[in-house]
Every structure is written in C-alpha cells, then in structure tokens.
C-alpha cells in the first residue's frame, strides 16, 4: 500500500487583513505515485492551497506534511523533496537555459557533475539543445514553459507541483510537456497539478479533487466521480459540482 506524499489535516489559512478565512479545517491526502489534479473555479483557493503546500504561504492552523515531514517546521530540509513549476516564469530572462539550470541546480544542492548530467538530459528531452546558450528572453512562450519545467525538476524531486504548466503554449509543446510528466510519474514522481485545461487534465490525472469556496467538494478517481455523477468527462463534472455562474470577476 502506498504512503502519503501530501497529508493535509485541519488546515486553516487567512490572508492578512481579510475578514474571512480561505480555508477552515480543510483535509486532503495525496498518495505517493498519483497523478493528482486539483481543480475549481477562479477564486476557489487552488493556487492558495498549492502555495501553502510548497511553503510560499504560512498557514495559521493545522498541518501539511510532505512525505511525513511537517512543512512548517522543516522548510529547508523539505525543499529537496519537491519541485514547483509555477504559472509565472521562475527564471532569469537574461540567462541561457544552461546558465539557469546551473544556478538553480546549485541552489538545490547539486554538485557540478550532477548539474551537467541532468542539464544535458533535460535539454535533450525538452527539445532545448539547439538553444542551450541563447538568452531565454528571446524564446517563444512554449520554449519558456519548457525551461520553467526543467528548472522545477533539475534536482529529481519526489513530488512535483505544477500550476498551469502549459498555459499559452501550442499543441505540440503541450503534448511534449504532458508526455514528459507521465514519464516522470512512471519513474516514481508524484504529480500535483492544477489547470483550466480540463481536457488536458483528463488525459494526465488519475485522481482529482474539486475545490470551491475553500472547501474540497469532491475527491476520488476521475472514473469514479464521473460514474457517481453520471458525467462523461471532467468538464461536465466540473460544471455539475460548481455550478454554471460566471466566476471570472
């Protein structure tokens, strides 16, 4: 039986100066090896929850454990366990892919040989070999997404958090990124993913949770949830459980 990659117990979080909490007594478990999708309308709390899980936000109540380690108490030691691919680009635009990977690899604690070997592997797999020494600011959006992903996995994390990893890319780049993520998962990396690309999510994720108004409103295998709610796909399930009203205000 697999153990928990992420275990959230009675989580409570409130932004400073806000009268109401984003989460109150939220509970969620993601097992090791899952391709886990977290979905919900705009403002539902997806990115806030992911930022709590990665230590970017300090929660006021409850517990978040990554592979059995409480993130609030062991932040530095936990950093090596996970990677994070944020929606915003997280690299130095004036540097090349090789230079960015060298910097972030060293920041993650890798030695020069490890950085060199992993850099060569990632450049090849993600189709960046021919532009390895060019400034990233010259790249297309899809190429920048691939650099973003490479930085997130340079240190071989056991858990990989992905916040809209394919936003704004073409179909070829999207396919390449999803294929690579599946290979990482086969190799043992737990994926925790959020996106508005629901057809893509359906292809990638084998377990999902829907969040709305700071609460988990559904959590199971995608197949089980579709069956229970008599829906053919994730988009129909999403509308069924969160309603049809506009959420982009």
Foldseek 3Di string as FASTA:
>chain_A
DFAFQKWWAQFWADDPPDPDTQAGGATDTDTFLFAEEEEEFPPLCPVVVVCCQLVVDPTDDTFMDGVRHTCVVPVVVCNLQEFEQAPDQDFDQQFFLLVRLVVLCVVSPDDPVLSVVLSVVLCVLLVNVVRRGPGNNPDDPLVSLSSSVSSRCSSPHQEYEYEASCPPHDPVSLVSVLVVVVVSSVVGRHYYYYHPPFVSCQVRGQWYWYGGSNHTPDTGGQVVQCVVVVHDGPVVSRCVRHHDDDRPD
